[in-house]
Amino acid sequence: MDRRTLLSGAAGLLLASGLSGGARAATPSAAARRLYRDAIVIDGNLVPPLDADGPLDAALSKQVRASGLTAFKLTRGGSGSQSKAATDEELAITDKALAHSNHLFSRIRSVEDIRAAKKNGRVGIIFSFEAGEMLEGQVDNIDHFRRQDVLVMGLSYNLATPFASGVMVPKSTGLTELGRQAVERMNALGVTLDISHSDERSSLSAIAASARPALITHAGCAAIRPHPRNKSDRLLRALSERGGVMGVYDLSYLSVAPEQPSLAAYLGHLTHALKVCGEDHVGIGSDTILTGFDTSPESMKGWDAETARRQATGVAAPGEGPPPFVTGLNRPDRGAIIADGLLKAGYPARVAEKVMGANFLRVFQETWRA
């Protein structure tokens, strides 16, 4: 079991055990609710409740619909340890779960599918990789997974691959020659490049090598909280100058562990990213459970065990341990609370709408065409 598997299992337990950790935040303003209702809302990384054996129960389905999401990016392929064959199997199981979802979820294969999900009241799922191990060092495997409509791919998780080095590598390899070939192949096939877990040297080189905008789908700002998973202003400027978008996550790296990040801390990272990148280059990449993280003793026992395993294998980032949520955002419609925070901070509605999803949509339009 890895972190993604653990979170997927936890998502199905939420209604039985109940949420805590700030799930019942203040109601967003009427203006924020209207904006959120009308916007295309895209989250750069979430874990949904899925069941390959049948549809979700009515209560859990209601929570998913209450999220207000138009689409989100779903990570498959594990956290740097999954083979090509295992990833093929996982993709097939996920497709089976979507087919059994009773029209709750829809598979996203194009930008038009995102717009259709909004129109039809479904929640679209974008298949993605944030690691590179499932490619097994072969650029041709990008073609293999693109044929299965994996639309967003990374080069490395926290450790090194034949393509690039991750944020926890003691000595950076940077973007390798094979990594340059991988970036070119992604560009040619209509795959969006995601450098969320690559280190700064690799990321800067990948941005420069890419003919199309790249994404940092889930990260924080190092200028606010220095941490290997948070990104420097230099990197954020390079990303935005080439048309990319950075999504702000809900993880403990936003503040100093073991403190649980507050809504104020989250908005601090978000508004800093807007200042550095500009309003066209920032989004939401929560990197948590769609329906909210369960903080019951049973859930936390599993979370703590997986954290210990990651620390033992060297894949964990410093400060892992606090559960993945921001106090006040541990709820399905977290984006509405973020929109409300932006409006109350004086940002115009157009900026909030871009952050909610329009910026990610624009990059997908520019990168998914072969």
Protein backbone atom coordinates (compact mmCIF):
# COMPACT_ATOMS: atom_id res chain seq x y z
CA MET A 1 0.00 0.00 0.00
CA ASP A 2 1.30 3.49 -0.87
CA ARG A 3 0.03 6.93 0.02
CA ARG A 4 -2.41 7.12 -2.89
CA THR A 5 -3.87 3.70 -2.12
CA LEU A 6 -4.24 4.67 1.52
CA LEU A 7 -6.05 7.88 0.64
CA SER A 8 -8.33 6.10 -1.81
CA GLY A 9 -9.36 3.66 0.91
CA ALA A 10 -9.85 6.43 3.43
CA ALA A 11 -12.17 8.28 1.05
CA GLY A 12 -14.70 5.46 1.29
CA LEU A 13 -14.74 5.51 5.09
CA LEU A 14 -15.62 9.15 5.53
CA LEU A 15 -19.35 8.88 5.97
CA ALA A 16 -19.09 6.01 8.42
CA SER A 17 -16.61 7.70 10.70
CA GLY A 18 -17.27 11.38 10.11
CA LEU A 19 -15.02 14.30 9.31
CA SER A 20 -13.11 16.53 11.64
CA GLY A 21 -10.29 19.00 11.30
CA GLY A 22 -12.31 22.03 10.30
CA ALA A 23 -14.80 20.34 7.98
CA ARG A 24 -17.54 22.72 9.01
CA ALA A 25 -16.02 26.02 7.95
CA ALA A 26 -17.98 29.23 7.61
CA THR A 27 -20.45 29.47 4.74
CA PRO A 28 -18.95 31.33 1.77
CA SER A 29 -20.56 34.59 0.72
CA ALA A 30 -23.36 34.70 -1.82
CA ALA A 31 -20.98 36.25 -4.37
CA ALA A 32 -18.48 33.43 -3.89
CA ARG A 33 -21.21 30.80 -4.16
CA ARG A 34 -22.48 32.30 -7.43
CA LEU A 35 -18.98 32.51 -8.87
CA TYR A 36 -18.20 28.94 -7.85
CA ARG A 37 -21.49 27.64 -9.23
CA ASP A 38 -20.92 29.21 -12.65
CA ALA A 39 -17.16 28.65 -13.00
CA ILE A 40 -15.36 25.70 -14.53
CA VAL A 41 -13.74 24.32 -11.37
CA ILE A 42 -10.61 22.19 -11.87
CA ASP A 43 -8.47 20.84 -9.03
CA GLY A 44 -4.90 19.91 -9.95
CA ASN A 45 -4.72 16.82 -7.70
CA LEU A 46 -7.36 14.96 -5.70
CA VAL A 47 -8.16 11.43 -4.52
CA PRO A 48 -11.82 10.46 -5.09
CA PRO A 49 -13.90 7.68 -3.59
CA LEU A 50 -14.09 4.97 -6.27
CA ASP A 51 -15.44 1.43 -6.25
CA ALA A 52 -14.72 -1.01 -9.10
CA ASP A 53 -17.53 -3.29 -7.92
CA GLY A 54 -20.43 -0.89 -8.18
CA PRO A 55 -21.71 2.68 -7.74
CA LEU A 56 -21.08 4.68 -4.59
CA ASP A 57 -23.90 4.86 -2.07
CA ALA A 58 -26.32 7.78 -2.22
CA ALA A 59 -24.79 9.71 0.68
CA LEU A 60 -21.24 9.56 -0.68
CA SER A 61 -22.44 10.39 -4.20
CA LYS A 62 -24.18 13.43 -2.74
CA GLN A 63 -20.91 14.59 -1.20
CA VAL A 64 -19.11 14.27 -4.53
CA ARG A 65 -21.80 16.29 -6.30
CA ALA A 66 -21.73 18.88 -3.51
CA SER A 67 -18.05 19.48 -4.24
CA GLY A 68 -19.00 21.70 -7.18
CA LEU A 69 -16.07 20.29 -9.13
CA THR A 70 -16.10 20.25 -12.90
CA ALA A 71 -12.96 18.08 -13.15
CA PHE A 72 -9.84 17.10 -11.27
CA LYS A 73 -6.55 15.40 -11.98
CA LEU A 74 -6.23 11.91 -10.53
CA THR A 75 -2.75 10.45 -9.93
CA ARG A 76 -2.23 6.85 -11.03
CA GLY A 77 0.98 4.84 -11.13
CA GLY A 78 1.97 5.23 -7.51
CA SER A 79 4.55 7.38 -5.77
CA GLY A 80 7.69 6.28 -7.54
CA SER A 81 7.51 2.52 -7.08
CA GLN A 82 5.01 1.14 -9.60
CA SER A 83 5.85 -0.80 -12.76
CA LYS A 84 4.35 -0.40 -16.22
CA ALA A 85 2.36 -3.63 -15.83
CA ALA A 86 0.99 -2.66 -12.41
CA THR A 87 0.04 0.77 -13.75
CA ASP A 88 -1.78 -0.79 -16.71
CA GLU A 89 -3.76 -2.87 -14.24
CA GLU A 90 -4.53 0.14 -12.06
CA LEU A 91 -5.76 2.16 -15.04
CA ALA A 92 -8.04 -0.69 -16.07
CA ILE A 93 -9.48 -1.00 -12.56
CA THR A 94 -10.05 2.75 -12.40
CA ASP A 95 -11.85 2.70 -15.75
CA LYS A 96 -14.07 -0.08 -14.40
CA ALA A 97 -14.89 2.03 -11.34
CA LEU A 98 -15.83 4.98 -13.54
CA ALA A 99 -18.08 2.77 -15.65
CA HIS A 100 -19.86 1.70 -12.45
CA SER A 101 -20.21 5.21 -11.07
CA ASN A 102 -23.79 5.65 -12.31
CA HIS A 103 -22.89 8.81 -14.27
CA LEU A 104 -21.36 10.48 -11.22
CA PHE A 105 -17.89 10.60 -12.77
CA SER A 106 -16.80 10.89 -16.39
CA ARG A 107 -13.45 10.18 -18.00
CA ILE A 108 -11.75 13.26 -19.45
CA ARG A 109 -10.02 12.72 -22.79
CA SER A 110 -10.23 16.25 -24.20
CA VAL A 111 -10.98 19.84 -23.25
CA GLU A 112 -14.42 19.34 -24.80
CA ASP A 113 -15.04 16.60 -22.24
CA ILE A 114 -14.38 19.10 -19.43
CA ARG A 115 -16.97 21.48 -20.84
CA ALA A 116 -19.42 18.59 -21.26
CA ALA A 117 -18.90 17.56 -17.62
CA LYS A 118 -19.83 21.07 -16.53
CA LYS A 119 -22.93 21.06 -18.74
CA ASN A 120 -24.05 17.58 -17.69
CA GLY A 121 -23.40 17.91 -13.96
CA ARG A 122 -20.77 15.18 -13.82
CA VAL A 123 -17.34 15.31 -12.22
CA GLY A 124 -14.60 14.73 -14.78
CA ILE A 125 -11.47 12.74 -13.98
CA ILE A 126 -8.16 13.44 -15.75
CA PHE A 127 -5.75 10.49 -15.59
CA SER A 128 -2.21 11.52 -14.73
CA PHE A 129 1.20 10.42 -13.44
CA GLU A 130 3.29 12.40 -10.95
CA ALA A 131 6.10 9.84 -10.92
CA GLY A 132 8.15 8.45 -13.83
CA GLU A 133 8.96 4.90 -12.77
CA MET A 134 6.07 3.32 -14.71
CA LEU A 135 7.79 4.49 -17.91
CA GLU A 136 10.64 2.11 -17.01
CA GLY A 137 13.24 4.36 -18.63
CA GLN A 138 11.63 4.04 -22.07
CA VAL A 139 10.40 7.14 -23.92
CA ASP A 140 8.18 4.90 -26.07
CA ASN A 141 6.14 4.09 -22.96
CA ILE A 142 4.85 7.67 -23.07
CA ASP A 143 3.14 6.63 -26.31
CA HIS A 144 1.80 3.50 -24.58
CA PHE A 145 0.13 5.45 -21.79
CA ARG A 146 -1.00 8.31 -24.02
CA ARG A 147 -2.99 5.73 -25.98
CA GLN A 148 -4.79 5.08 -22.69
CA ASP A 149 -5.48 8.82 -22.39
CA VAL A 150 -3.10 9.58 -19.56
CA LEU A 151 -3.02 13.30 -20.27
CA VAL A 152 -0.60 14.65 -17.64
CA MET A 153 2.78 13.09 -16.81
CA GLY A 154 5.75 13.80 -14.57
CA LEU A 155 9.43 13.01 -14.94
CA SER A 156 10.22 12.06 -11.35
CA TYR A 157 8.66 11.74 -7.94
CA ASN A 158 10.81 12.66 -4.92
CA LEU A 159 13.74 10.45 -5.96
CA ALA A 160 15.65 10.15 -9.25
CA THR A 161 14.59 8.48 -12.50
CA PRO A 162 16.43 8.11 -15.81
CA PHE A 163 14.67 11.34 -16.83
CA ALA A 164 15.23 13.78 -13.94
CA SER A 165 15.82 14.08 -10.22
CA GLY A 166 13.20 14.62 -7.55
CA VAL A 167 13.13 17.02 -4.65
CA MET A 168 14.64 14.56 -2.15
CA VAL A 169 17.75 13.60 -4.17
CA PRO A 170 20.93 14.67 -2.28
CA LYS A 171 22.77 15.51 -5.52
CA SER A 172 20.72 16.70 -8.47
CA THR A 173 21.12 15.03 -11.84
CA GLY A 174 19.05 17.71 -13.52
CA LEU A 175 17.13 16.92 -16.68
CA THR A 176 18.97 14.11 -18.45
CA GLU A 177 19.23 13.63 -22.20
CA LEU A 178 16.55 10.95 -21.92
CA GLY A 179 14.48 13.46 -19.98
CA ARG A 180 14.78 15.95 -22.84
CA GLN A 181 13.57 13.28 -25.22
CA ALA A 182 10.67 12.55 -22.88
CA VAL A 183 9.66 16.22 -22.79
CA GLU A 184 9.77 16.40 -26.59
CA ARG A 185 7.67 13.24 -26.87
CA MET A 186 5.08 14.61 -24.43
CA ASN A 187 4.87 17.80 -26.47
CA ALA A 188 4.44 15.84 -29.68
CA LEU A 189 1.75 13.51 -28.31
CA GLY A 190 -0.35 16.10 -26.50
CA VAL A 191 0.67 15.26 -22.93
CA THR A 192 0.94 18.02 -20.32
CA LEU A 193 4.26 18.05 -18.45
CA ASP A 194 3.92 18.18 -14.64
CA ILE A 195 7.07 19.01 -12.64
CA SER A 196 5.49 19.10 -9.17
CA HIS A 197 7.96 16.64 -7.65
CA SER A 198 11.07 17.41 -9.72
CA ASP A 199 13.85 19.42 -8.12
CA GLU A 200 14.63 22.98 -9.15
CA ARG A 201 17.48 22.20 -11.53
CA SER A 202 15.45 19.55 -13.35
CA SER A 203 12.36 21.75 -13.38
CA LEU A 204 14.06 24.81 -14.84
CA SER A 205 15.62 22.70 -17.59
CA ALA A 206 12.32 20.94 -18.33
CA ILE A 207 10.48 24.26 -18.64
CA ALA A 208 13.16 25.52 -21.02
CA ALA A 209 13.09 22.29 -23.05
CA SER A 210 9.31 22.23 -23.43
CA ALA A 211 7.73 23.89 -26.44
CA ARG A 212 4.44 24.07 -24.52
CA PRO A 213 3.47 25.30 -21.05
CA ALA A 214 4.29 23.06 -18.09
CA LEU A 215 2.40 22.64 -14.84
CA ILE A 216 3.29 22.48 -11.18
CA THR A 217 -0.08 21.00 -10.29
CA HIS A 218 0.43 20.81 -6.52
CA ALA A 219 3.04 22.66 -4.47
CA GLY A 220 3.59 25.64 -2.16
CA CYS A 221 5.77 28.75 -2.15
CA ALA A 222 9.29 28.49 -0.72
CA ALA A 223 9.39 32.24 -0.08
CA ILE A 224 6.59 31.76 2.47
CA ARG A 225 7.74 28.43 3.91
CA PRO A 226 11.14 27.01 2.86
CA HIS A 227 10.72 23.31 2.09
CA PRO A 228 11.92 20.94 -0.66
CA ARG A 229 8.33 20.52 -1.95
CA ASN A 230 7.74 24.27 -2.10
CA LYS A 231 8.89 26.20 -5.16
CA SER A 232 11.21 29.20 -5.37
CA ASP A 233 10.14 32.52 -6.86
CA ARG A 234 12.76 31.94 -9.57
CA LEU A 235 11.07 28.71 -10.61
CA LEU A 236 7.58 30.21 -10.41
CA ARG A 237 8.63 33.10 -12.66
CA ALA A 238 10.19 30.72 -15.18
CA LEU A 239 7.02 28.63 -15.19
CA SER A 240 4.69 31.60 -15.69
CA GLU A 241 6.89 33.26 -18.32
CA ARG A 242 6.41 30.16 -20.48
CA GLY A 243 2.67 30.10 -19.90
CA GLY A 244 2.50 27.51 -17.11
CA VAL A 245 0.33 27.29 -14.00
CA MET A 246 1.12 26.44 -10.38
CA GLY A 247 -1.58 24.87 -8.16
CA VAL A 248 -1.39 25.40 -4.39
CA TYR A 249 -1.80 22.26 -2.26
CA ASP A 250 -3.31 21.60 1.18
CA LEU A 251 -0.32 19.76 2.63
CA SER A 252 1.50 20.28 5.91
CA TYR A 253 4.44 21.87 4.05
CA LEU A 254 2.50 25.14 3.95
CA SER A 255 3.46 25.73 7.58
CA VAL A 256 5.82 24.25 10.19
CA ALA A 257 5.00 20.68 11.26
CA PRO A 258 3.32 19.46 13.39
CA GLU A 259 1.12 22.54 13.02
CA GLN A 260 -1.93 21.90 10.86
CA PRO A 261 -1.99 24.55 8.11
CA SER A 262 -4.63 27.24 8.58
CA LEU A 263 -6.78 28.90 5.95
CA ALA A 264 -4.74 32.07 6.48
CA ALA A 265 -1.54 30.13 5.73
CA TYR A 266 -3.09 28.67 2.58
CA LEU A 267 -4.21 32.07 1.34
CA GLY A 268 -0.75 33.42 2.11
CA HIS A 269 0.79 30.94 -0.32
CA LEU A 270 -1.94 31.50 -2.88
CA THR A 271 -1.68 35.28 -2.87
CA HIS A 272 2.12 35.12 -2.98
CA ALA A 273 1.89 32.90 -6.06
CA LEU A 274 -0.49 35.41 -7.65
CA LYS A 275 1.97 38.22 -6.92
CA VAL A 276 4.93 36.36 -8.42
CA CYS A 277 3.23 34.55 -11.33
CA GLY A 278 0.32 36.81 -12.20
CA GLU A 279 -3.39 36.05 -12.30
CA ASP A 280 -3.15 33.84 -15.40
CA HIS A 281 -0.77 31.33 -13.85
CA VAL A 282 -2.17 30.15 -10.48
CA GLY A 283 -4.69 27.46 -9.61
CA ILE A 284 -5.74 24.95 -6.93
CA GLY A 285 -3.99 21.59 -6.56
CA SER A 286 -5.29 20.31 -3.23
CA ASP A 287 -3.50 16.92 -3.17
CA THR A 288 -5.92 15.48 -0.65
CA ILE A 289 -9.19 13.54 -0.52
CA LEU A 290 -12.04 14.98 -2.57
CA THR A 291 -14.61 14.47 0.16
CA GLY A 292 -12.32 15.49 3.04
CA PHE A 293 -9.80 13.67 5.20
CA ASP A 294 -11.10 11.49 8.05
CA THR A 295 -9.22 12.17 11.29
CA SER A 296 -10.73 9.33 13.29
CA PRO A 297 -8.27 7.14 15.28
CA GLU A 298 -8.65 4.28 12.77
CA SER A 299 -7.86 6.54 9.83
CA MET A 300 -4.93 8.23 11.56
CA LYS A 301 -3.44 4.84 12.47
CA GLY A 302 -3.26 3.93 8.78
CA TRP A 303 -1.95 7.38 7.85
CA ASP A 304 0.80 7.22 10.49
CA ALA A 305 1.85 3.74 9.37
CA GLU A 306 2.14 4.84 5.74
CA THR A 307 4.10 7.94 6.80
CA ALA A 308 6.55 5.71 8.71
CA ARG A 309 6.94 3.45 5.67
CA ARG A 310 7.69 6.41 3.40
CA GLN A 311 10.22 7.77 5.86
CA ALA A 312 11.95 4.37 6.06
CA THR A 313 12.26 4.12 2.26
CA GLY A 314 13.61 7.66 1.87
CA VAL A 315 10.78 8.84 -0.36
CA ALA A 316 9.16 11.05 2.30
CA ALA A 317 9.73 14.78 2.37
CA PRO A 318 10.69 16.52 5.62
CA GLY A 319 7.78 17.21 7.93
CA GLU A 320 5.49 14.48 6.66
CA GLY A 321 3.09 13.40 9.37
CA PRO A 322 0.21 15.87 9.78
CA PRO A 323 -2.79 14.72 7.71
CA PRO A 324 -3.33 16.34 4.31
CA PHE A 325 -5.76 19.14 4.89
CA VAL A 326 -5.97 22.84 5.65
CA THR A 327 -8.15 23.74 8.63
CA GLY A 328 -11.29 25.22 7.12
CA LEU A 329 -10.81 23.45 3.77
CA ASN A 330 -11.37 19.85 4.87
CA ARG A 331 -14.63 19.60 2.92
CA PRO A 332 -15.74 18.69 -0.60
CA ASP A 333 -16.44 22.28 -1.70
CA ARG A 334 -13.09 23.65 -0.51
CA GLY A 335 -12.79 25.70 -3.70
CA ALA A 336 -15.80 27.83 -2.74
CA ILE A 337 -14.06 28.78 0.52
CA ILE A 338 -10.91 29.70 -1.43
CA ALA A 339 -12.94 31.81 -3.86
CA ASP A 340 -14.54 33.57 -0.92
CA GLY A 341 -11.11 34.24 0.59
CA LEU A 342 -9.87 35.79 -2.64
CA LEU A 343 -12.94 38.03 -2.97
CA LYS A 344 -12.66 39.15 0.65
CA ALA A 345 -8.97 39.94 0.07
CA GLY A 346 -10.01 42.36 -2.68
CA TYR A 347 -9.32 40.29 -5.77
CA PRO A 348 -11.83 40.81 -8.60
CA ALA A 349 -14.13 37.98 -9.61
CA ARG A 350 -12.17 37.37 -12.83
CA VAL A 351 -9.08 36.42 -10.79
CA ALA A 352 -11.02 34.02 -8.59
CA GLU A 353 -12.55 32.43 -11.68
CA LYS A 354 -9.12 31.91 -13.23
CA VAL A 355 -7.79 30.34 -10.03
CA MET A 356 -10.85 28.09 -9.76
CA GLY A 357 -10.03 26.41 -13.06
CA ALA A 358 -9.81 28.68 -16.09
CA ASN A 359 -6.01 28.79 -15.90
CA PHE A 360 -5.66 24.99 -15.88
CA LEU A 361 -8.22 24.77 -18.70
CA ARG A 362 -6.17 27.16 -20.83
CA VAL A 363 -3.00 25.07 -20.39
CA PHE A 364 -4.89 21.89 -21.27
CA GLN A 365 -6.15 23.60 -24.43
CA GLU A 366 -2.58 24.46 -25.37
CA THR A 367 -1.01 21.10 -24.51
CA TRP A 368 -3.48 18.29 -25.26
CA ARG A 369 -3.44 18.80 -29.02
CA ALA A 370 -0.87 16.61 -30.76
